[in-house]
Amino acid sequence: MRLTELGWNDAFAAAFEALPAGTGVEPARVAIEFNYLYRLWTEAGELEATISGRLKHRATSRRELPAVGDWVAVRRRPDLERGAIVAVLPRRSAFSRRMAGAVTDEQVVAANVDVVFIVMGLDPNFNLRRLERYLLLARESGAAPAVLLTKPDLSEAVADQTAAAAAVAGTTPIHVVSPRLNQGLDQVVAYLTPGRTGALLGSSGVGKTTIINRLVGEDVRRTRDVRLRDARGRHTTSHRELIALPNGGLIIDTPGMRELQLWDVGEAVRETFDDIEALAAGCHFTDCRHRDEPRCAVKAAVAAGRVDPARLESYHKLQDELAVLARDQDERARLEAKRRARVLGKAVKKHIREKRGL
């Protein structure tokens, strides 16, 4: 495939030319990431690669390392069968979350994506609060979000659920599709014109793998049934992968996410909770948190039935989570600065000893 068919453009070309990587490097796009092993797509074909020691050493965060969808500079090994990634080109979009567990670091799930498809089932998986979280991260990514509601055949209230999702999604488009019955996927294909990249994000069991198989036209990914008692899916996708579609578009398949911790979504909060933000202008106190403060316009709207109490509760939970995240990020920055100062101090002492001939 030509680089332009993989999403390459003048901006990436300019960034590649400006790299101080030296000679012998070529541009490539990350198609698969698996435990720091990568499969790249180059104009000459596929290439397996690892991260160069210099790039790994200089990275202060996982964000600075390659992710699926990234454009990178790779230097081929002498045997030409493997390569070393020496640089990651600046991203034009990145869907990120806080790494699962207690680690305070950013995990880039998909990079250089044009549209993020948030996939949610119209079965017991349907959850407006989860949809809010996905919308926050999608809007902060720089890509355009779209919501895909799957499994309409398992719901007796499709219209009501769609309306409820629309109330949360605002201007974000919503499409009801049935990948199992191969219905409505033309709406997905319309987003993925040649050279454009989409990413499918959602819980396990919502139909992401079936969507991939239908878009490709054959079963390239294995599917498994969900548990009937709670509609929980079982992971069939174990790693993120960029897949080329017959119509020239590209799509990133991702494993189901059961833990979706936020990462730097301050700006997106105002867009996702635009109803609450608009009401906040009428609060008596400019720094009103809509909790215990008197003369709060938001709480008045909840009492009058104009705002769902669960939505305000979700807003509070997200604000609390962002406050904890900010504290943890500050602590991580402090520890990183301390580590860098220690490394620099050792380097200075070594240089003085060498200069004195000790």
Protein backbone atom coordinates (compact mmCIF):
# COMPACT_ATOMS: atom_id res chain seq x y z
CA MET A 1 0.00 0.00 0.00
CA ARG A 2 1.11 3.55 -0.66
CA LEU A 3 1.65 5.69 2.42
CA THR A 4 -1.25 7.97 1.45
CA GLU A 5 -3.56 4.93 1.56
CA LEU A 6 -2.48 4.49 5.19
CA GLY A 7 -3.33 8.09 6.11
CA TRP A 8 -0.01 9.78 5.34
CA ASN A 9 -0.28 13.48 4.51
CA ASP A 10 1.83 16.63 4.08
CA ALA A 11 1.85 17.36 7.83
CA PHE A 12 3.32 13.95 8.65
CA ALA A 13 5.80 14.30 5.79
CA ALA A 14 7.00 17.67 7.12
CA ALA A 15 7.35 16.25 10.64
CA PHE A 16 9.33 13.30 9.31
CA GLU A 17 11.72 15.53 7.36
CA ALA A 18 12.34 17.61 10.48
CA LEU A 19 13.42 14.62 12.58
CA PRO A 20 17.08 14.56 13.66
CA ALA A 21 17.08 10.80 13.13
CA GLY A 22 19.84 10.78 10.53
CA THR A 23 19.96 8.60 7.45
CA GLY A 24 18.63 5.12 6.93
CA VAL A 25 15.18 5.70 8.45
CA GLU A 26 11.81 5.38 6.76
CA PRO A 27 8.24 6.26 7.76
CA ALA A 28 5.89 3.51 8.91
CA ARG A 29 2.53 3.22 10.65
CA VAL A 30 2.02 1.04 13.72
CA ALA A 31 -0.50 -1.70 12.89
CA ILE A 32 -0.13 -3.93 15.98
CA GLU A 33 1.30 -3.37 19.45
CA PHE A 34 1.84 -6.37 21.69
CA ASN A 35 4.06 -6.18 24.78
CA TYR A 36 6.40 -3.64 23.20
CA LEU A 37 6.66 -5.67 20.00
CA TYR A 38 5.25 -3.95 16.94
CA ARG A 39 4.13 -4.77 13.45
CA LEU A 40 4.58 -1.82 11.14
CA TRP A 41 3.18 -1.03 7.73
CA THR A 42 5.69 0.53 5.37
CA GLU A 43 5.50 1.25 1.68
CA ALA A 44 7.62 -1.86 1.12
CA GLY A 45 5.33 -4.09 3.19
CA GLU A 46 5.08 -5.30 6.79
CA LEU A 47 8.00 -5.07 9.21
CA GLU A 48 8.42 -6.28 12.78
CA ALA A 49 10.09 -3.81 15.11
CA THR A 50 11.03 -2.99 18.68
CA ILE A 51 11.69 0.36 20.35
CA SER A 52 15.26 1.62 20.13
CA GLY A 53 17.12 1.84 23.41
CA ARG A 54 17.57 5.59 23.01
CA LEU A 55 13.85 6.22 22.50
CA LYS A 56 12.93 4.02 25.47
CA HIS A 57 15.53 5.67 27.71
CA ARG A 58 14.44 9.22 26.87
CA ALA A 59 10.71 8.57 27.34
CA THR A 60 9.39 9.97 30.62
CA SER A 61 5.87 8.62 30.06
CA ARG A 62 4.23 5.76 28.21
CA ARG A 63 2.59 8.44 26.04
CA GLU A 64 5.96 9.10 24.38
CA LEU A 65 6.20 5.49 23.18
CA PRO A 66 4.49 4.17 20.01
CA ALA A 67 0.81 3.19 20.01
CA VAL A 68 -1.39 1.63 17.35
CA GLY A 69 -2.11 4.21 14.65
CA ASP A 70 1.10 6.14 15.26
CA TRP A 71 3.42 7.21 12.47
CA VAL A 72 7.02 6.42 13.37
CA ALA A 73 10.53 6.57 11.97
CA VAL A 74 12.05 3.10 11.77
CA ARG A 75 15.59 1.98 10.99
CA ARG A 76 15.85 -1.47 9.44
CA ARG A 77 18.26 -4.00 10.90
CA PRO A 78 21.02 -5.28 8.60
CA ASP A 79 19.06 -8.49 7.93
CA LEU A 80 16.07 -6.30 6.84
CA GLU A 81 13.65 -8.61 8.66
CA ARG A 82 13.28 -6.43 11.74
CA GLY A 83 13.65 -2.79 12.60
CA ALA A 84 14.08 -0.35 15.47
CA ILE A 85 11.63 2.50 16.05
CA VAL A 86 13.75 5.59 16.67
CA ALA A 87 11.07 8.31 16.82
CA VAL A 88 7.31 8.85 17.05
CA LEU A 89 5.86 11.60 14.84
CA PRO A 90 3.58 14.21 16.46
CA ARG A 91 0.02 12.92 16.74
CA ARG A 92 -2.97 14.79 15.35
CA SER A 93 -5.32 12.91 17.68
CA ALA A 94 -4.97 10.42 20.52
CA PHE A 95 -7.62 8.56 22.51
CA SER A 96 -6.08 8.16 25.97
CA ARG A 97 -7.06 6.85 29.37
CA ARG A 98 -5.32 6.49 32.69
CA MET A 99 -3.56 3.15 32.85
CA ALA A 100 -5.53 0.46 34.63
CA GLY A 101 -4.56 -0.11 38.24
CA ALA A 102 -2.79 2.27 40.59
CA VAL A 103 -0.19 3.55 38.11
CA THR A 104 -0.42 7.27 37.34
CA ASP A 105 0.41 7.29 33.66
CA GLU A 106 -1.33 7.85 30.35
CA GLN A 107 -2.10 4.98 28.01
CA VAL A 108 -2.70 5.93 24.39
CA VAL A 109 -5.32 3.47 23.11
CA ALA A 110 -5.40 4.68 19.50
CA ALA A 111 -3.53 7.44 17.67
CA ASN A 112 -4.14 9.53 14.55
CA VAL A 113 -7.81 8.60 14.39
CA ASP A 114 -10.37 10.61 12.42
CA VAL A 115 -13.50 9.23 14.10
CA VAL A 116 -14.01 7.38 17.38
CA PHE A 117 -16.94 4.95 17.33
CA ILE A 118 -18.31 4.46 20.85
CA VAL A 119 -20.10 1.10 20.73
CA MET A 120 -22.79 0.26 23.29
CA GLY A 121 -25.38 -2.51 23.28
CA LEU A 122 -29.13 -2.00 23.66
CA ASP A 123 -29.20 -4.84 26.16
CA PRO A 124 -28.17 -4.88 29.85
CA ASN A 125 -24.87 -3.36 28.68
CA PHE A 126 -26.71 -0.06 28.05
CA ASN A 127 -25.30 2.48 30.52
CA LEU A 128 -25.60 6.26 30.12
CA ARG A 129 -22.96 6.97 32.76
CA ARG A 130 -20.42 4.85 30.86
CA LEU A 131 -21.39 6.66 27.67
CA GLU A 132 -20.59 9.98 29.37
CA ARG A 133 -17.07 8.76 30.20
CA TYR A 134 -16.40 7.56 26.66
CA LEU A 135 -17.65 10.87 25.27
CA LEU A 136 -15.33 12.79 27.57
CA LEU A 137 -12.27 10.89 26.39
CA ALA A 138 -13.35 10.87 22.74
CA ARG A 139 -13.91 14.65 22.64
CA GLU A 140 -10.57 15.29 24.32
CA SER A 141 -8.80 13.01 21.80
CA GLY A 142 -9.10 15.42 18.88
CA ALA A 143 -11.09 12.89 16.82
CA ALA A 144 -14.79 13.22 15.98
CA PRO A 145 -16.98 10.94 18.13
CA ALA A 146 -19.95 8.90 16.91
CA VAL A 147 -22.12 6.52 18.92
CA LEU A 148 -23.11 3.08 17.61
CA LEU A 149 -26.00 1.41 19.45
CA THR A 150 -25.96 -2.31 18.73
CA LYS A 151 -28.28 -5.27 19.39
CA PRO A 152 -31.60 -3.50 18.76
CA ASP A 153 -33.22 -6.94 18.40
CA LEU A 154 -32.62 -7.53 22.13
CA SER A 155 -34.45 -4.40 23.25
CA GLU A 156 -38.14 -3.57 23.52
CA ALA A 157 -37.43 0.13 24.05
CA VAL A 158 -35.06 1.08 21.24
CA ALA A 159 -36.63 4.50 20.69
CA ASP A 160 -36.53 5.41 24.39
CA GLN A 161 -32.93 4.23 24.79
CA THR A 162 -31.84 6.09 21.66
CA ALA A 163 -33.49 9.26 22.93
CA ALA A 164 -31.79 8.89 26.32
CA ALA A 165 -28.41 8.40 24.66
CA ALA A 166 -29.05 11.43 22.43
CA ALA A 167 -29.79 13.56 25.50
CA VAL A 168 -26.36 12.66 26.88
CA ALA A 169 -24.49 12.80 23.55
CA GLY A 170 -25.70 16.25 22.50
CA THR A 171 -24.56 17.00 18.96
CA THR A 172 -22.65 13.71 18.62
CA PRO A 173 -24.33 11.56 15.93
CA ILE A 174 -25.99 8.32 17.03
CA HIS A 175 -26.59 5.31 14.78
CA VAL A 176 -28.56 2.17 15.61
CA VAL A 177 -26.88 -0.79 13.89
CA SER A 178 -27.13 -4.55 14.00
CA PRO A 179 -23.79 -6.04 12.95
CA ARG A 180 -25.03 -9.59 13.57
CA LEU A 181 -27.81 -9.03 11.03
CA ASN A 182 -25.54 -6.88 8.84
CA GLN A 183 -27.88 -3.90 9.15
CA GLY A 184 -26.92 -0.23 9.31
CA LEU A 185 -23.20 -0.70 8.72
CA ASP A 186 -23.34 1.48 5.62
CA GLN A 187 -23.57 4.35 8.11
CA VAL A 188 -20.20 3.28 9.55
CA VAL A 189 -18.59 2.85 6.13
CA ALA A 190 -19.61 6.40 5.19
CA TYR A 191 -17.17 7.75 7.80
CA LEU A 192 -14.26 5.65 6.55
CA THR A 193 -13.44 6.98 3.11
CA PRO A 194 -10.00 6.05 1.66
CA GLY A 195 -7.14 7.08 3.94
CA ARG A 196 -9.41 7.87 6.93
CA THR A 197 -9.05 5.97 10.20
CA GLY A 198 -11.72 5.00 12.71
CA ALA A 199 -11.44 3.28 16.10
CA LEU A 200 -14.01 1.02 17.78
CA LEU A 201 -14.22 1.47 21.55
CA GLY A 202 -16.55 -0.12 24.05
CA SER A 203 -17.04 -2.92 26.55
CA SER A 204 -16.56 -6.59 25.71
CA GLY A 205 -19.57 -8.18 24.07
CA VAL A 206 -21.05 -5.08 22.42
CA GLY A 207 -20.32 -6.32 18.88
CA LYS A 208 -17.05 -4.59 17.93
CA THR A 209 -15.51 -7.78 16.52
CA THR A 210 -18.64 -8.56 14.50
CA ILE A 211 -18.57 -5.03 13.07
CA ILE A 212 -14.95 -5.60 11.98
CA ASN A 213 -15.83 -8.89 10.30
CA ARG A 214 -18.77 -7.33 8.44
CA LEU A 215 -16.73 -4.33 7.28
CA VAL A 216 -13.91 -6.54 6.03
CA GLY A 217 -16.31 -8.98 4.40
CA GLU A 218 -14.98 -12.11 6.10
CA ASP A 219 -14.41 -13.46 9.60
CA VAL A 220 -10.96 -12.07 10.31
CA ARG A 221 -11.62 -11.89 14.06
CA ARG A 222 -13.03 -14.57 16.36
CA THR A 223 -16.28 -13.85 18.20
CA ARG A 224 -17.79 -15.34 21.35
CA ASP A 225 -21.28 -15.13 22.82
CA VAL A 226 -21.95 -12.95 25.85
CA ARG A 227 -23.21 -14.29 29.17
CA LEU A 228 -27.00 -14.13 29.08
CA ARG A 229 -27.44 -13.34 32.78
CA ASP A 230 -25.61 -9.98 32.65
CA ALA A 231 -24.71 -9.37 28.96
CA ARG A 232 -21.03 -9.40 29.89
CA GLY A 233 -18.68 -10.17 27.05
CA ARG A 234 -15.58 -12.32 27.12
CA HIS A 235 -12.47 -10.91 25.51
CA THR A 236 -11.95 -12.14 21.96
CA THR A 237 -9.64 -9.26 20.98
CA SER A 238 -6.40 -9.45 22.99
CA HIS A 239 -4.52 -6.54 21.43
CA ARG A 240 -5.11 -3.36 19.47
CA GLU A 241 -4.78 -3.68 15.70
CA LEU A 242 -5.09 -1.44 12.65
CA ILE A 243 -7.09 -3.15 9.91
CA ALA A 244 -7.39 -2.12 6.26
CA LEU A 245 -10.91 -2.19 4.81
CA PRO A 246 -11.85 -3.12 1.23
CA ASN A 247 -13.14 0.40 0.50
CA GLY A 248 -9.76 2.00 1.37
CA GLY A 249 -10.60 3.11 4.90
CA LEU A 250 -8.85 1.87 8.04
CA ILE A 251 -10.18 0.91 11.46
CA ILE A 252 -8.55 0.13 14.81
CA ASP A 253 -10.01 -2.77 16.78
CA THR A 254 -9.47 -2.65 20.55
CA PRO A 255 -10.04 -5.07 23.44
CA GLY A 256 -13.10 -4.42 25.56
CA MET A 257 -12.56 -1.92 28.38
CA ARG A 258 -13.99 -2.74 31.77
CA GLU A 259 -11.98 0.00 33.47
CA LEU A 260 -12.07 3.44 31.87
CA GLN A 261 -10.22 5.88 34.07
CA LEU A 262 -10.10 9.48 32.88
CA TRP A 263 -7.03 11.39 31.74
CA ASP A 264 -6.88 15.16 31.10
CA VAL A 265 -10.49 15.79 30.07
CA GLY A 266 -11.01 19.21 31.65
CA GLU A 267 -12.07 20.92 28.43
CA ALA A 268 -14.32 18.05 27.36
CA VAL A 269 -16.29 18.17 30.62
CA ARG A 270 -17.86 21.46 29.56
CA GLU A 271 -19.01 19.98 26.26
CA THR A 272 -20.24 16.66 27.65
CA PHE A 273 -22.09 18.32 30.55
CA ASP A 274 -23.13 21.42 28.62
CA ASP A 275 -26.57 21.44 30.27
CA ILE A 276 -25.07 21.64 33.77
CA GLU A 277 -22.41 24.14 32.68
CA ALA A 278 -25.10 26.40 31.15
CA LEU A 279 -27.21 26.29 34.33
CA ALA A 280 -24.13 27.04 36.45
CA ALA A 281 -24.06 30.57 35.04
CA GLY A 282 -27.16 31.26 37.14
CA CYS A 283 -25.65 30.10 40.44
CA HIS A 284 -25.20 32.75 43.14
CA PHE A 285 -21.54 31.84 43.69
CA THR A 286 -19.20 31.85 40.69
CA ASP A 287 -17.25 28.92 42.15
CA CYS A 288 -20.36 26.93 43.02
CA ARG A 289 -19.71 23.16 43.09
CA HIS A 290 -23.47 22.38 43.02
CA ARG A 291 -23.24 20.43 46.27
CA ASP A 292 -24.06 22.24 49.54
CA GLU A 293 -23.92 25.84 48.34
CA PRO A 294 -27.12 27.94 48.71
CA ARG A 295 -28.97 29.49 45.75
CA CYS A 296 -27.54 26.93 43.31
CA ALA A 297 -29.26 27.04 39.91
CA VAL A 298 -28.21 23.47 39.07
CA LYS A 299 -29.72 21.97 42.24
CA ALA A 300 -32.85 24.03 41.63
CA ALA A 301 -33.13 22.52 38.14
CA VAL A 302 -32.76 19.04 39.62
CA ALA A 303 -35.49 19.78 42.17
CA ALA A 304 -37.74 21.07 39.40
CA GLY A 305 -37.23 17.90 37.35
CA ARG A 306 -35.35 19.64 34.52
CA VAL A 307 -32.09 17.73 35.20
CA ASP A 308 -31.80 14.03 36.02
CA PRO A 309 -30.39 13.63 39.57
CA ALA A 310 -28.24 10.73 38.29
CA ARG A 311 -26.62 13.07 35.77
CA LEU A 312 -25.64 15.57 38.46
CA GLU A 313 -24.34 12.72 40.60
CA SER A 314 -22.24 11.52 37.65
CA TYR A 315 -20.93 15.07 37.19
CA HIS A 316 -19.87 15.17 40.85
CA LYS A 317 -18.15 11.78 40.63
CA LEU A 318 -16.21 12.84 37.55
CA GLN A 319 -15.14 16.11 39.20
CA ASP A 320 -13.93 14.16 42.25
CA GLU A 321 -12.04 11.74 40.02
CA LEU A 322 -10.38 14.58 38.12
CA ALA A 323 -9.31 16.18 41.41
CA VAL A 324 -7.65 12.92 42.51
CA LEU A 325 -6.02 12.57 39.09
CA ALA A 326 -4.60 16.11 39.28
CA ARG A 327 -3.13 15.35 42.70
CA ASP A 328 -1.58 12.10 41.48
CA GLN A 329 -0.18 13.81 38.37
CA ASP A 330 1.43 16.50 40.53
CA GLU A 331 3.01 13.82 42.70
CA ARG A 332 4.28 11.95 39.64
CA ALA A 333 5.74 15.19 38.23
CA ARG A 334 7.49 15.86 41.54
CA LEU A 335 9.02 12.38 41.62
CA GLU A 336 10.06 12.63 37.96
CA ALA A 337 11.74 16.00 38.55
CA LYS A 338 13.57 14.50 41.54
CA ARG A 339 14.71 11.54 39.44
CA ARG A 340 15.96 13.79 36.64
CA ALA A 341 17.85 15.97 39.13
CA ARG A 342 19.51 12.86 40.57
CA VAL A 343 20.53 11.62 37.10
CA LEU A 344 21.84 15.06 36.15
CA GLY A 345 23.78 15.29 39.40
CA LYS A 346 25.47 11.96 38.75
CA ALA A 347 26.36 13.04 35.20
CA VAL A 348 27.89 16.30 36.45
CA LYS A 349 29.95 14.50 39.10
CA LYS A 350 31.18 12.00 36.52
CA HIS A 351 32.16 14.82 34.15
CA ILE A 352 34.10 16.62 36.93
CA ARG A 353 35.95 13.42 37.89
CA GLU A 354 36.88 12.74 34.27
CA LYS A 355 38.04 16.34 33.78
CA ARG A 356 40.27 16.08 36.86
CA GLY A 357 41.60 12.73 35.68
CA LEU A 358 40.37 10.91 38.73
